[in-house]
PDB file of N, CA and C in Angstrom:
ATOM      1  N   MET A   1     -21.190 -84.058 -14.898  1.00  0.00           N
ATOM      2  CA  MET A   1     -22.341 -83.223 -14.569  1.00  0.00           C
ATOM      3  C   MET A   1     -21.898 -81.845 -14.055  1.00  0.00           C
ATOM      4  N   ARG A   2     -20.905 -81.825 -13.165  1.00  0.00           N
ATOM      5  CA  ARG A   2     -20.408 -80.552 -12.622  1.00  0.00           C
ATOM      6  C   ARG A   2     -19.798 -79.686 -13.722  1.00  0.00           C
ATOM      7  N   LEU A   3     -19.116 -80.330 -14.655  1.00  0.00           N
ATOM      8  CA  LEU A   3     -18.507 -79.604 -15.766  1.00  0.00           C
ATOM      9  C   LEU A   3     -19.572 -78.884 -16.584  1.00  0.00           C
ATOM     10  N   TRP A   4     -20.653 -79.588 -16.930  1.00  0.00           N
ATOM     11  CA  TRP A   4     -21.696 -78.979 -17.750  1.00  0.00           C
ATOM     12  C   TRP A   4     -22.529 -77.969 -16.970  1.00  0.00           C
ATOM     13  N   THR A   5     -22.652 -78.162 -15.682  1.00  0.00           N
ATOM     14  CA  THR A   5     -23.332 -77.164 -14.856  1.00  0.00           C
ATOM     15  C   THR A   5     -22.531 -75.868 -14.856  1.00  0.00           C
ATOM     16  N   ALA A   6     -21.212 -75.987 -14.651  1.00  0.00           N
ATOM     17  CA  ALA A   6     -20.340 -74.806 -14.678  1.00  0.00           C
ATOM     18  C   ALA A   6     -20.404 -74.129 -16.042  1.00  0.00           C
ATOM     19  N   ARG A   7     -20.275 -74.911 -17.099  1.00  0.00           N
ATOM     20  CA  ARG A   7     -20.328 -74.349 -18.448  1.00  0.00           C
ATOM     21  C   ARG A   7     -21.648 -73.634 -18.706  1.00  0.00           C
ATOM     22  N   THR A   8     -22.735 -74.262 -18.317  1.00  0.00           N
ATOM     23  CA  THR A   8     -24.059 -73.672 -18.557  1.00  0.00           C
ATOM     24  C   THR A   8     -24.198 -72.336 -17.839  1.00  0.00           C
ATOM     25  N   LEU A   9     -23.795 -72.286 -16.580  1.00  0.00           N
ATOM     26  CA  LEU A   9     -23.892 -71.039 -15.825  1.00  0.00           C
ATOM     27  C   LEU A   9     -23.022 -69.945 -16.442  1.00  0.00           C
ATOM     28  N   ILE A  10     -21.836 -70.312 -16.849  1.00  0.00           N
ATOM     29  CA  ILE A  10     -20.930 -69.326 -17.458  1.00  0.00           C
ATOM     30  C   ILE A  10     -21.487 -68.858 -18.799  1.00  0.00           C
ATOM     31  N   ILE A  11     -21.985 -69.778 -19.591  1.00  0.00           N
ATOM     32  CA  ILE A  11     -22.533 -69.422 -20.904  1.00  0.00           C
ATOM     33  C   ILE A  11     -23.732 -68.493 -20.755  1.00  0.00           C
ATOM     34  N   LEU A  12     -24.548 -68.696 -19.726  1.00  0.00           N
ATOM     35  CA  LEU A  12     -25.677 -67.794 -19.482  1.00  0.00           C
ATOM     36  C   LEU A  12     -25.189 -66.367 -19.211  1.00  0.00           C
ATOM     37  N   VAL A  13     -24.132 -66.237 -18.418  1.00  0.00           N
ATOM     38  CA  VAL A  13     -23.578 -64.911 -18.132  1.00  0.00           C
ATOM     39  C   VAL A  13     -22.991 -64.303 -19.398  1.00  0.00           C
ATOM     40  N   VAL A  14     -22.256 -65.102 -20.166  1.00  0.00           N
ATOM     41  CA  VAL A  14     -21.672 -64.611 -21.417  1.00  0.00           C
ATOM     42  C   VAL A  14     -22.773 -64.148 -22.368  1.00  0.00           C
ATOM     43  N   ALA A  15     -23.820 -64.934 -22.504  1.00  0.00           N
ATOM     44  CA  ALA A  15     -24.916 -64.565 -23.403  1.00  0.00           C
ATOM     45  C   ALA A  15     -25.577 -63.267 -22.948  1.00  0.00           C
ATOM     46  N   TRP A  16     -25.827 -63.130 -21.659  1.00  0.00           N
ATOM     47  CA  TRP A  16     -26.424 -61.909 -21.108  1.00  0.00           C
ATOM     48  C   TRP A  16     -25.527 -60.709 -21.389  1.00  0.00           C
ATOM     49  N   ASN A  17     -24.216 -60.876 -21.142  1.00  0.00           N
ATOM     50  CA  ASN A  17     -23.268 -59.784 -21.374  1.00  0.00           C
ATOM     51  C   ASN A  17     -23.155 -59.421 -22.848  1.00  0.00           C
ATOM     52  N   LEU A  18     -23.123 -60.420 -23.716  1.00  0.00           N
ATOM     53  CA  LEU A  18     -23.001 -60.137 -25.147  1.00  0.00           C
ATOM     54  C   LEU A  18     -24.269 -59.493 -25.702  1.00  0.00           C
ATOM     55  N   GLN A  19     -25.422 -59.894 -25.177  1.00  0.00           N
ATOM     56  CA  GLN A  19     -26.670 -59.262 -25.601  1.00  0.00           C
ATOM     57  C   GLN A  19     -26.650 -57.787 -25.220  1.00  0.00           C
ATOM     58  N   ALA A  20     -26.235 -57.486 -23.995  1.00  0.00           N
ATOM     59  CA  ALA A  20     -26.154 -56.097 -23.548  1.00  0.00           C
ATOM     60  C   ALA A  20     -25.115 -55.334 -24.365  1.00  0.00           C
ATOM     61  N   ALA A  21     -23.972 -55.950 -24.610  1.00  0.00           N
ATOM     62  CA  ALA A  21     -22.926 -55.293 -25.396  1.00  0.00           C
ATOM     63  C   ALA A  21     -23.419 -54.955 -26.791  1.00  0.00           C
ATOM     64  N   ALA A  22     -24.119 -55.885 -27.432  1.00  0.00           N
ATOM     65  CA  ALA A  22     -24.628 -55.629 -28.782  1.00  0.00           C
ATOM     66  C   ALA A  22     -25.630 -54.480 -28.784  1.00  0.00           C
ATOM     67  N   LEU A  23     -26.548 -54.491 -27.832  1.00  0.00           N
ATOM     68  CA  LEU A  23     -27.528 -53.408 -27.746  1.00  0.00           C
ATOM     69  C   LEU A  23     -26.837 -52.070 -27.505  1.00  0.00           C
ATOM     70  N   PHE A  24     -25.937 -52.025 -26.541  1.00  0.00           N
ATOM     71  CA  PHE A  24     -25.270 -50.771 -26.191  1.00  0.00           C
ATOM     72  C   PHE A  24     -24.369 -50.270 -27.319  1.00  0.00           C
ATOM     73  N   LEU A  25     -23.768 -51.190 -28.057  1.00  0.00           N
ATOM     74  CA  LEU A  25     -22.851 -50.792 -29.126  1.00  0.00           C
ATOM     75  C   LEU A  25     -23.585 -50.361 -30.389  1.00  0.00           C
ATOM     76  N   PHE A  26     -24.612 -51.130 -30.779  1.00  0.00           N
ATOM     77  CA  PHE A  26     -25.258 -50.886 -32.059  1.00  0.00           C
ATOM     78  C   PHE A  26     -26.562 -50.101 -31.983  1.00  0.00           C
ATOM     79  N   GLN A  27     -27.207 -50.089 -30.816  1.00  0.00           N
ATOM     80  CA  GLN A  27     -28.458 -49.345 -30.656  1.00  0.00           C
ATOM     81  C   GLN A  27     -28.499 -48.640 -29.295  1.00  0.00           C
ATOM     82  N   PRO A  28     -27.503 -47.824 -29.007  1.00  0.00           N
ATOM     83  CA  PRO A  28     -27.468 -47.198 -27.679  1.00  0.00           C
ATOM     84  C   PRO A  28     -28.663 -46.287 -27.406  1.00  0.00           C
ATOM     85  N   ALA A  29     -29.226 -45.699 -28.446  1.00  0.00           N
ATOM     86  CA  ALA A  29     -30.380 -44.806 -28.243  1.00  0.00           C
ATOM     87  C   ALA A  29     -31.562 -45.549 -27.633  1.00  0.00           C
ATOM     88  N   ALA A  30     -31.643 -46.850 -27.869  1.00  0.00           N
ATOM     89  CA  ALA A  30     -32.752 -47.637 -27.332  1.00  0.00           C
ATOM     90  C   ALA A  30     -32.595 -47.909 -25.841  1.00  0.00           C
ATOM     91  N   ALA A  31     -31.408 -47.675 -25.288  1.00  0.00           N
ATOM     92  CA  ALA A  31     -31.171 -48.032 -23.885  1.00  0.00           C
ATOM     93  C   ALA A  31     -30.790 -46.859 -22.989  1.00  0.00           C
ATOM     94  N   VAL A  32     -30.487 -45.696 -23.560  1.00  0.00           N
ATOM     95  CA  VAL A  32     -29.995 -44.588 -22.722  1.00  0.00           C
ATOM     96  C   VAL A  32     -30.995 -44.164 -21.655  1.00  0.00           C
ATOM     97  N   ALA A  33     -32.268 -44.191 -21.973  1.00  0.00           N
ATOM     98  CA  ALA A  33     -33.278 -43.745 -21.002  1.00  0.00           C
ATOM     99  C   ALA A  33     -33.280 -44.620 -19.758  1.00  0.00           C
ATOM    100  N   GLY A  34     -32.965 -45.882 -19.904  1.00  0.00           N
ATOM    101  CA  GLY A  34     -32.919 -46.795 -18.767  1.00  0.00           C
ATOM    102  C   GLY A  34     -31.818 -46.470 -17.777  1.00  0.00           C
ATOM    103  N   PHE A  35     -30.883 -45.625 -18.197  1.00  0.00           N
ATOM    104  CA  PHE A  35     -29.801 -45.197 -17.317  1.00  0.00           C
ATOM    105  C   PHE A  35     -29.912 -43.708 -16.993  1.00  0.00           C
ATOM    106  N   GLU A  36     -31.095 -43.164 -17.300  1.00  0.00           N
ATOM    107  CA  GLU A  36     -31.369 -41.744 -17.084  1.00  0.00           C
ATOM    108  C   GLU A  36     -30.336 -40.863 -17.778  1.00  0.00           C
ATOM    109  N   LEU A  37     -29.956 -41.291 -18.990  1.00  0.00           N
ATOM    110  CA  LEU A  37     -29.039 -40.539 -19.843  1.00  0.00           C
ATOM    111  C   LEU A  37     -29.789 -40.126 -21.099  1.00  0.00           C
ATOM    112  N   SER A  38     -29.159 -39.272 -21.892  1.00  0.00           N
ATOM    113  CA  SER A  38     -29.782 -38.876 -23.147  1.00  0.00           C
ATOM    114  C   SER A  38     -28.732 -38.363 -24.114  1.00  0.00           C
ATOM    115  N   GLY A  39     -29.120 -38.296 -25.375  1.00  0.00           N
ATOM    116  CA  GLY A  39     -28.302 -37.695 -26.421  1.00  0.00           C
ATOM    117  C   GLY A  39     -27.006 -38.433 -26.691  1.00  0.00           C
ATOM    118  N   MET A  40     -26.139 -37.742 -27.418  1.00  0.00           N
ATOM    119  CA  MET A  40     -24.854 -38.322 -27.809  1.00  0.00           C
ATOM    120  C   MET A  40     -23.972 -38.675 -26.612  1.00  0.00           C
ATOM    121  N   PRO A  41     -23.927 -37.842 -25.554  1.00  0.00           N
ATOM    122  CA  PRO A  41     -23.110 -38.247 -24.401  1.00  0.00           C
ATOM    123  C   PRO A  41     -23.598 -39.560 -23.779  1.00  0.00           C
ATOM    124  N   GLY A  42     -24.906 -39.736 -23.681  1.00  0.00           N
ATOM    125  CA  GLY A  42     -25.455 -40.985 -23.148  1.00  0.00           C
ATOM    126  C   GLY A  42     -25.136 -42.161 -24.041  1.00  0.00           C
ATOM    127  N   GLU A  43     -25.261 -41.956 -25.354  1.00  0.00           N
ATOM    128  CA  GLU A  43     -24.950 -43.027 -26.298  1.00  0.00           C
ATOM    129  C   GLU A  43     -23.471 -43.396 -26.227  1.00  0.00           C
ATOM    130  N   ALA A  44     -22.606 -42.402 -26.098  1.00  0.00           N
ATOM    131  CA  ALA A  44     -21.168 -42.673 -25.987  1.00  0.00           C
ATOM    132  C   ALA A  44     -20.862 -43.446 -24.701  1.00  0.00           C
ATOM    133  N   ALA A  45     -21.542 -43.082 -23.615  1.00  0.00           N
ATOM    134  CA  ALA A  45     -21.340 -43.794 -22.351  1.00  0.00           C
ATOM    135  C   ALA A  45     -21.743 -45.260 -22.492  1.00  0.00           C
ATOM    136  N   LEU A  46     -22.866 -45.517 -23.149  1.00  0.00           N
ATOM    137  CA  LEU A  46     -23.307 -46.903 -23.319  1.00  0.00           C
ATOM    138  C   LEU A  46     -22.403 -47.673 -24.271  1.00  0.00           C
ATOM    139  N   ARG A  47     -21.891 -47.006 -25.282  1.00  0.00           N
ATOM    140  CA  ARG A  47     -20.933 -47.687 -26.169  1.00  0.00           C
ATOM    141  C   ARG A  47     -19.667 -48.050 -25.392  1.00  0.00           C
ATOM    142  N   GLY A  48     -19.255 -47.166 -24.481  1.00  0.00           N
ATOM    143  CA  GLY A  48     -18.117 -47.478 -23.615  1.00  0.00           C
ATOM    144  C   GLY A  48     -18.402 -48.688 -22.739  1.00  0.00           C
ATOM    145  N   LEU A  49     -19.614 -48.777 -22.212  1.00  0.00           N
ATOM    146  CA  LEU A  49     -19.996 -49.959 -21.429  1.00  0.00           C
ATOM    147  C   LEU A  49     -19.985 -51.214 -22.291  1.00  0.00           C
ATOM    148  N   ALA A  50     -20.386 -51.074 -23.552  1.00  0.00           N
ATOM    149  CA  ALA A  50     -20.367 -52.226 -24.462  1.00  0.00           C
ATOM    150  C   ALA A  50     -18.955 -52.773 -24.607  1.00  0.00           C
ATOM    151  N   VAL A  51     -17.995 -51.881 -24.760  1.00  0.00           N
ATOM    152  CA  VAL A  51     -16.598 -52.309 -24.875  1.00  0.00           C
ATOM    153  C   VAL A  51     -16.159 -53.019 -23.594  1.00  0.00           C
ATOM    154  N   LEU A  52     -16.555 -52.471 -22.447  1.00  0.00           N
ATOM    155  CA  LEU A  52     -16.216 -53.121 -21.178  1.00  0.00           C
ATOM    156  C   LEU A  52     -16.848 -54.505 -21.070  1.00  0.00           C
ATOM    157  N   PHE A  53     -18.112 -54.638 -21.480  1.00  0.00           N
ATOM    158  CA  PHE A  53     -18.758 -55.947 -21.453  1.00  0.00           C
ATOM    159  C   PHE A  53     -17.980 -56.945 -22.313  1.00  0.00           C
ATOM    160  N   LEU A  54     -17.521 -56.519 -23.470  1.00  0.00           N
ATOM    161  CA  LEU A  54     -16.758 -57.412 -24.342  1.00  0.00           C
ATOM    162  C   LEU A  54     -15.438 -57.813 -23.691  1.00  0.00           C
ATOM    163  N   MET A  55     -14.754 -56.843 -23.089  1.00  0.00           N
ATOM    164  CA  MET A  55     -13.483 -57.129 -22.413  1.00  0.00           C
ATOM    165  C   MET A  55     -13.686 -58.088 -21.241  1.00  0.00           C
ATOM    166  N   TRP A  56     -14.737 -57.855 -20.469  1.00  0.00           N
ATOM    167  CA  TRP A  56     -14.996 -58.679 -19.292  1.00  0.00           C
ATOM    168  C   TRP A  56     -15.292 -60.129 -19.648  1.00  0.00           C
ATOM    169  N   ASN A  57     -15.697 -60.395 -20.850  1.00  0.00           N
ATOM    170  CA  ASN A  57     -16.077 -61.750 -21.232  1.00  0.00           C
ATOM    171  C   ASN A  57     -14.906 -62.662 -21.567  1.00  0.00           C
ATOM    172  N   VAL A  58     -13.704 -62.131 -21.680  1.00  0.00           N
ATOM    173  CA  VAL A  58     -12.558 -62.965 -22.051  1.00  0.00           C
ATOM    174  C   VAL A  58     -12.363 -64.117 -21.054  1.00  0.00           C
ATOM    175  N   PRO A  59     -12.245 -63.854 -19.743  1.00  0.00           N
ATOM    176  CA  PRO A  59     -12.063 -65.000 -18.845  1.00  0.00           C
ATOM    177  C   PRO A  59     -13.283 -65.924 -18.802  1.00  0.00           C
ATOM    178  N   TYR A  60     -14.470 -65.378 -19.002  1.00  0.00           N
ATOM    179  CA  TYR A  60     -15.675 -66.207 -19.013  1.00  0.00           C
ATOM    180  C   TYR A  60     -15.619 -67.207 -20.159  1.00  0.00           C
ATOM    181  N   CYS A  61     -15.199 -66.754 -21.330  1.00  0.00           N
ATOM    182  CA  CYS A  61     -15.136 -67.641 -22.498  1.00  0.00           C
ATOM    183  C   CYS A  61     -14.123 -68.761 -22.283  1.00  0.00           C
ATOM    184  N   LEU A  62     -12.965 -68.420 -21.737  1.00  0.00           N
ATOM    185  CA  LEU A  62     -11.972 -69.458 -21.447  1.00  0.00           C
ATOM    186  C   LEU A  62     -12.501 -70.442 -20.410  1.00  0.00           C
ATOM    187  N   ALA A  63     -13.147 -69.923 -19.380  1.00  0.00           N
ATOM    188  CA  ALA A  63     -13.693 -70.789 -18.335  1.00  0.00           C
ATOM    189  C   ALA A  63     -14.801 -71.682 -18.874  1.00  0.00           C
ATOM    190  N   ALA A  64     -15.619 -71.165 -19.758  1.00  0.00           N
ATOM    191  CA  ALA A  64     -16.710 -71.974 -20.332  1.00  0.00           C
ATOM    192  C   ALA A  64     -16.168 -73.063 -21.243  1.00  0.00           C
ATOM    193  N   TRP A  65     -15.080 -72.750 -21.949  1.00  0.00           N
ATOM    194  CA  TRP A  65     -14.513 -73.696 -22.904  1.00  0.00           C
ATOM    195  C   TRP A  65     -13.988 -74.935 -22.174  1.00  0.00           C
ATOM    196  N   GLN A  66     -13.129 -74.715 -21.180  1.00  0.00           N
ATOM    197  CA  GLN A  66     -12.583 -75.824 -20.401  1.00  0.00           C
ATOM    198  C   GLN A  66     -12.382 -75.353 -18.955  1.00  0.00           C
ATOM    199  N   PRO A  67     -13.428 -75.425 -18.132  1.00  0.00           N
ATOM    200  CA  PRO A  67     -13.346 -74.907 -16.767  1.00  0.00           C
ATOM    201  C   PRO A  67     -12.220 -75.516 -15.935  1.00  0.00           C
ATOM    202  N   ALA A  68     -12.002 -76.814 -16.046  1.00  0.00           N
ATOM    203  CA  ALA A  68     -10.959 -77.457 -15.240  1.00  0.00           C
ATOM    204  C   ALA A  68      -9.564 -77.029 -15.699  1.00  0.00           C
ATOM    205  N   ARG A  69      -9.396 -76.902 -16.994  1.00  0.00           N
ATOM    206  CA  ARG A  69      -8.082 -76.517 -17.533  1.00  0.00           C
ATOM    207  C   ARG A  69      -7.787 -75.038 -17.309  1.00  0.00           C
ATOM    208  N   HIS A  70      -8.831 -74.207 -17.352  1.00  0.00           N
ATOM    209  CA  HIS A  70      -8.677 -72.765 -17.169  1.00  0.00           C
ATOM    210  C   HIS A  70      -9.270 -72.358 -15.821  1.00  0.00           C
ATOM    211  N   LEU A  71      -8.784 -73.016 -14.775  1.00  0.00           N
ATOM    212  CA  LEU A  71      -9.310 -72.792 -13.428  1.00  0.00           C
ATOM    213  C   LEU A  71      -9.106 -71.350 -12.974  1.00  0.00           C
ATOM    214  N   ILE A  72      -7.996 -70.745 -13.359  1.00  0.00           N
ATOM    215  CA  ILE A  72      -7.758 -69.348 -12.988  1.00  0.00           C
ATOM    216  C   ILE A  72      -8.819 -68.455 -13.630  1.00  0.00           C
ATOM    217  N   SER A  73      -9.143 -68.699 -14.885  1.00  0.00           N
ATOM    218  CA  SER A  73     -10.191 -67.916 -15.548  1.00  0.00           C
ATOM    219  C   SER A  73     -11.541 -68.132 -14.879  1.00  0.00           C
ATOM    220  N   LEU A  74     -11.806 -69.348 -14.450  1.00  0.00           N
ATOM    221  CA  LEU A  74     -13.050 -69.630 -13.744  1.00  0.00           C
ATOM    222  C   LEU A  74     -13.111 -68.860 -12.434  1.00  0.00           C
ATOM    223  N   LYS A  75     -12.008 -68.863 -11.693  1.00  0.00           N
ATOM    224  CA  LYS A  75     -11.952 -68.115 -10.434  1.00  0.00           C
ATOM    225  C   LYS A  75     -12.055 -66.610 -10.676  1.00  0.00           C
ATOM    226  N   GLU A  76     -11.424 -66.130 -11.747  1.00  0.00           N
ATOM    227  CA  GLU A  76     -11.549 -64.710 -12.099  1.00  0.00           C
ATOM    228  C   GLU A  76     -12.994 -64.355 -12.424  1.00  0.00           C
ATOM    229  N   ALA A  77     -13.661 -65.214 -13.172  1.00  0.00           N
ATOM    230  CA  ALA A  77     -15.057 -64.964 -13.533  1.00  0.00           C
ATOM    231  C   ALA A  77     -15.932 -64.928 -12.281  1.00  0.00           C
ATOM    232  N   LEU A  78     -15.708 -65.844 -11.362  1.00  0.00           N
ATOM    233  CA  LEU A  78     -16.476 -65.848 -10.114  1.00  0.00           C
ATOM    234  C   LEU A  78     -16.207 -64.586  -9.297  1.00  0.00           C
ATOM    235  N   ALA A  79     -14.943 -64.188  -9.232  1.00  0.00           N
ATOM    236  CA  ALA A  79     -14.591 -62.968  -8.491  1.00  0.00           C
ATOM    237  C   ALA A  79     -15.218 -61.735  -9.152  1.00  0.00           C
ATOM    238  N   MET A  80     -15.204 -61.695 -10.478  1.00  0.00           N
ATOM    239  CA  MET A  80     -15.802 -60.569 -11.190  1.00  0.00           C
ATOM    240  C   MET A  80     -17.300 -60.502 -10.924  1.00  0.00           C
ATOM    241  N   GLN A  81     -17.973 -61.651 -10.898  1.00  0.00           N
ATOM    242  CA  GLN A  81     -19.399 -61.672 -10.619  1.00  0.00           C
ATOM    243  C   GLN A  81     -19.679 -61.190  -9.192  1.00  0.00           C
ATOM    244  N   ALA A  82     -18.860 -61.622  -8.249  1.00  0.00           N
ATOM    245  CA  ALA A  82     -19.055 -61.207  -6.858  1.00  0.00           C
ATOM    246  C   ALA A  82     -18.840 -59.709  -6.697  1.00  0.00           C
ATOM    247  N   ILE A  83     -17.795 -59.185  -7.325  1.00  0.00           N
ATOM    248  CA  ILE A  83     -17.528 -57.743  -7.270  1.00  0.00           C
ATOM    249  C   ILE A  83     -18.673 -56.976  -7.923  1.00  0.00           C
ATOM    250  N   GLY A  84     -19.138 -57.456  -9.072  1.00  0.00           N
ATOM    251  CA  GLY A  84     -20.247 -56.797  -9.761  1.00  0.00           C
ATOM    252  C   GLY A  84     -21.504 -56.776  -8.923  1.00  0.00           C
ATOM    253  N   LEU A  85     -21.838 -57.898  -8.309  1.00  0.00           N
ATOM    254  CA  LEU A  85     -23.044 -57.960  -7.481  1.00  0.00           C
ATOM    255  C   LEU A  85     -22.929 -57.035  -6.276  1.00  0.00           C
ATOM    256  N   LEU A  86     -21.788 -57.039  -5.623  1.00  0.00           N
ATOM    257  CA  LEU A  86     -21.586 -56.164  -4.468  1.00  0.00           C
ATOM    258  C   LEU A  86     -21.648 -54.693  -4.883  1.00  0.00           C
ATOM    259  N   GLY A  87     -20.932 -54.349  -5.960  1.00  0.00           N
ATOM    260  CA  GLY A  87     -20.914 -52.962  -6.423  1.00  0.00           C
ATOM    261  C   GLY A  87     -22.277 -52.473  -6.856  1.00  0.00           C
ATOM    262  N   GLU A  88     -22.981 -53.286  -7.626  1.00  0.00           N
ATOM    263  CA  GLU A  88     -24.314 -52.892  -8.087  1.00  0.00           C
ATOM    264  C   GLU A  88     -25.300 -52.789  -6.932  1.00  0.00           C
ATOM    265  N   THR A  89     -25.145 -53.646  -5.935  1.00  0.00           N
ATOM    266  CA  THR A  89     -26.008 -53.582  -4.752  1.00  0.00           C
ATOM    267  C   THR A  89     -25.776 -52.279  -3.998  1.00  0.00           C
ATOM    268  N   LEU A  90     -24.507 -51.909  -3.825  1.00  0.00           N
ATOM    269  CA  LEU A  90     -24.192 -50.646  -3.144  1.00  0.00           C
ATOM    270  C   LEU A  90     -24.732 -49.447  -3.916  1.00  0.00           C
ATOM    271  N   ILE A  91     -24.562 -49.464  -5.225  1.00  0.00           N
ATOM    272  CA  ILE A  91     -25.086 -48.372  -6.048  1.00  0.00           C
ATOM    273  C   ILE A  91     -26.604 -48.313  -5.915  1.00  0.00           C
ATOM    274  N   TYR A  92     -27.246 -49.451  -6.020  1.00  0.00           N
ATOM    275  CA  TYR A  92     -28.709 -49.519  -5.947  1.00  0.00           C
ATOM    276  C   TYR A  92     -29.220 -48.909  -4.638  1.00  0.00           C
ATOM    277  N   PHE A  93     -28.655 -49.323  -3.531  1.00  0.00           N
ATOM    278  CA  PHE A  93     -29.155 -48.859  -2.238  1.00  0.00           C
ATOM    279  C   PHE A  93     -28.756 -47.432  -1.909  1.00  0.00           C
ATOM    280  N   ASN A  94     -27.834 -46.863  -2.674  1.00  0.00           N
ATOM    281  CA  ASN A  94     -27.461 -45.467  -2.467  1.00  0.00           C
ATOM    282  C   ASN A  94     -28.178 -44.511  -3.408  1.00  0.00           C
ATOM    283  N   LEU A  95     -29.045 -45.031  -4.264  1.00  0.00           N
ATOM    284  CA  LEU A  95     -29.847 -44.191  -5.144  1.00  0.00           C
ATOM    285  C   LEU A  95     -31.154 -43.827  -4.453  1.00  0.00           C
ATOM    286  N   ALA A  96     -31.552 -42.597  -4.625  1.00  0.00           N
ATOM    287  CA  ALA A  96     -32.855 -42.188  -4.079  1.00  0.00           C
ATOM    288  C   ALA A  96     -33.959 -42.974  -4.778  1.00  0.00           C
ATOM    289  N   SER A  97     -35.031 -43.235  -4.068  1.00  0.00           N
ATOM    290  CA  SER A  97     -36.137 -44.003  -4.647  1.00  0.00           C
ATOM    291  C   SER A  97     -36.788 -43.282  -5.819  1.00  0.00           C
ATOM    292  N   THR A  98     -36.510 -41.991  -5.969  1.00  0.00           N
ATOM    293  CA  THR A  98     -37.057 -41.239  -7.099  1.00  0.00           C
ATOM    294  C   THR A  98     -36.416 -41.652  -8.426  1.00  0.00           C
ATOM    295  N   HIS A  99     -35.336 -42.405  -8.376  1.00  0.00           N
ATOM    296  CA  HIS A  99     -34.653 -42.875  -9.585  1.00  0.00           C
ATOM    297  C   HIS A  99     -35.084 -44.303  -9.906  1.00  0.00           C
ATOM    298  N   SER A 100     -36.382 -44.509 -10.017  1.00  0.00           N
ATOM    299  CA  SER A 100     -36.914 -45.862 -10.211  1.00  0.00           C
ATOM    300  C   SER A 100     -36.473 -46.483 -11.535  1.00  0.00           C
ATOM    301  N   ILE A 101     -36.344 -45.703 -12.577  1.00  0.00           N
ATOM    302  CA  ILE A 101     -35.912 -46.248 -13.871  1.00  0.00           C
ATOM    303  C   ILE A 101     -34.473 -46.745 -13.773  1.00  0.00           C
ATOM    304  N   LEU A 102     -33.617 -45.930 -13.193  1.00  0.00           N
ATOM    305  CA  LEU A 102     -32.213 -46.311 -13.030  1.00  0.00           C
ATOM    306  C   LEU A 102     -32.084 -47.510 -12.098  1.00  0.00           C
ATOM    307  N   ARG A 103     -32.850 -47.519 -11.026  1.00  0.00           N
ATOM    308  CA  ARG A 103     -32.819 -48.655 -10.101  1.00  0.00           C
ATOM    309  C   ARG A 103     -33.269 -49.930 -10.813  1.00  0.00           C
ATOM    310  N   GLY A 104     -34.268 -49.831 -11.687  1.00  0.00           N
ATOM    311  CA  GLY A 104     -34.716 -50.992 -12.457  1.00  0.00           C
ATOM    312  C   GLY A 104     -33.632 -51.518 -13.378  1.00  0.00           C
ATOM    313  N   SER A 105     -32.881 -50.613 -13.991  1.00  0.00           N
ATOM    314  CA  SER A 105     -31.786 -51.038 -14.868  1.00  0.00           C
ATOM    315  C   SER A 105     -30.705 -51.763 -14.074  1.00  0.00           C
ATOM    316  N   ILE A 106     -30.415 -51.272 -12.889  1.00  0.00           N
ATOM    317  CA  ILE A 106     -29.419 -51.934 -12.045  1.00  0.00           C
ATOM    318  C   ILE A 106     -29.906 -53.330 -11.656  1.00  0.00           C
ATOM    319  N   LEU A 107     -31.171 -53.460 -11.342  1.00  0.00           N
ATOM    320  CA  LEU A 107     -31.712 -54.774 -10.984  1.00  0.00           C
ATOM    321  C   LEU A 107     -31.591 -55.771 -12.132  1.00  0.00           C
ATOM    322  N   ARG A 108     -31.807 -55.298 -13.350  1.00  0.00           N
ATOM    323  CA  ARG A 108     -31.702 -56.206 -14.504  1.00  0.00           C
ATOM    324  C   ARG A 108     -30.298 -56.758 -14.641  1.00  0.00           C
ATOM    325  N   PHE A 109     -29.295 -55.979 -14.307  1.00  0.00           N
ATOM    326  CA  PHE A 109     -27.921 -56.439 -14.465  1.00  0.00           C
ATOM    327  C   PHE A 109     -27.414 -57.221 -13.266  1.00  0.00           C
ATOM    328  N   SER A 110     -27.984 -56.996 -12.125  1.00  0.00           N
ATOM    329  CA  SER A 110     -27.463 -57.678 -10.932  1.00  0.00           C
ATOM    330  C   SER A 110     -28.280 -58.888 -10.528  1.00  0.00           C
ATOM    331  N   PHE A 111     -29.457 -59.067 -11.132  1.00  0.00           N
ATOM    332  CA  PHE A 111     -30.377 -60.139 -10.738  1.00  0.00           C
ATOM    333  C   PHE A 111     -30.751 -60.024  -9.269  1.00  0.00           C
ATOM    334  N   LEU A 112     -30.628 -58.824  -8.741  1.00  0.00           N
ATOM    335  CA  LEU A 112     -30.936 -58.583  -7.338  1.00  0.00           C
ATOM    336  C   LEU A 112     -32.443 -58.556  -7.158  1.00  0.00           C
ATOM    337  N   CYS A 113     -32.950 -59.335  -6.268  1.00  0.00           N
ATOM    338  CA  CYS A 113     -34.388 -59.372  -6.006  1.00  0.00           C
ATOM    339  C   CYS A 113     -34.673 -58.619  -4.707  1.00  0.00           C
ATOM    340  N   VAL A 114     -35.214 -57.443  -4.852  1.00  0.00           N
ATOM    341  CA  VAL A 114     -35.514 -56.641  -3.667  1.00  0.00           C
ATOM    342  C   VAL A 114     -36.992 -56.419  -3.560  1.00  0.00           C
TER     343      VAL A 114
END
């Protein structure tokens, strides 16, 4: 039961990350406004994020495949999630409330309920 719970949670994160990576890589124009960006520079920035999302998923995939065997990857994935949540929370609370669109985008990625 614990094995499948771990796998399910990891797979949910991988799916969320891959969905974002696909959108940012193949249709960045559809998402730039959510980051208060525009034009080719905004699209390039989102494509760069797509590459990062793909890179970040390597330990998640190993951990999802065999969490007990790839315990280091599981611990790396947990540490990455903790760092991401902390970093996104700090960014969120340091943005002026006038940046509601950007704050909403940060909430979608951090699952932060404020």
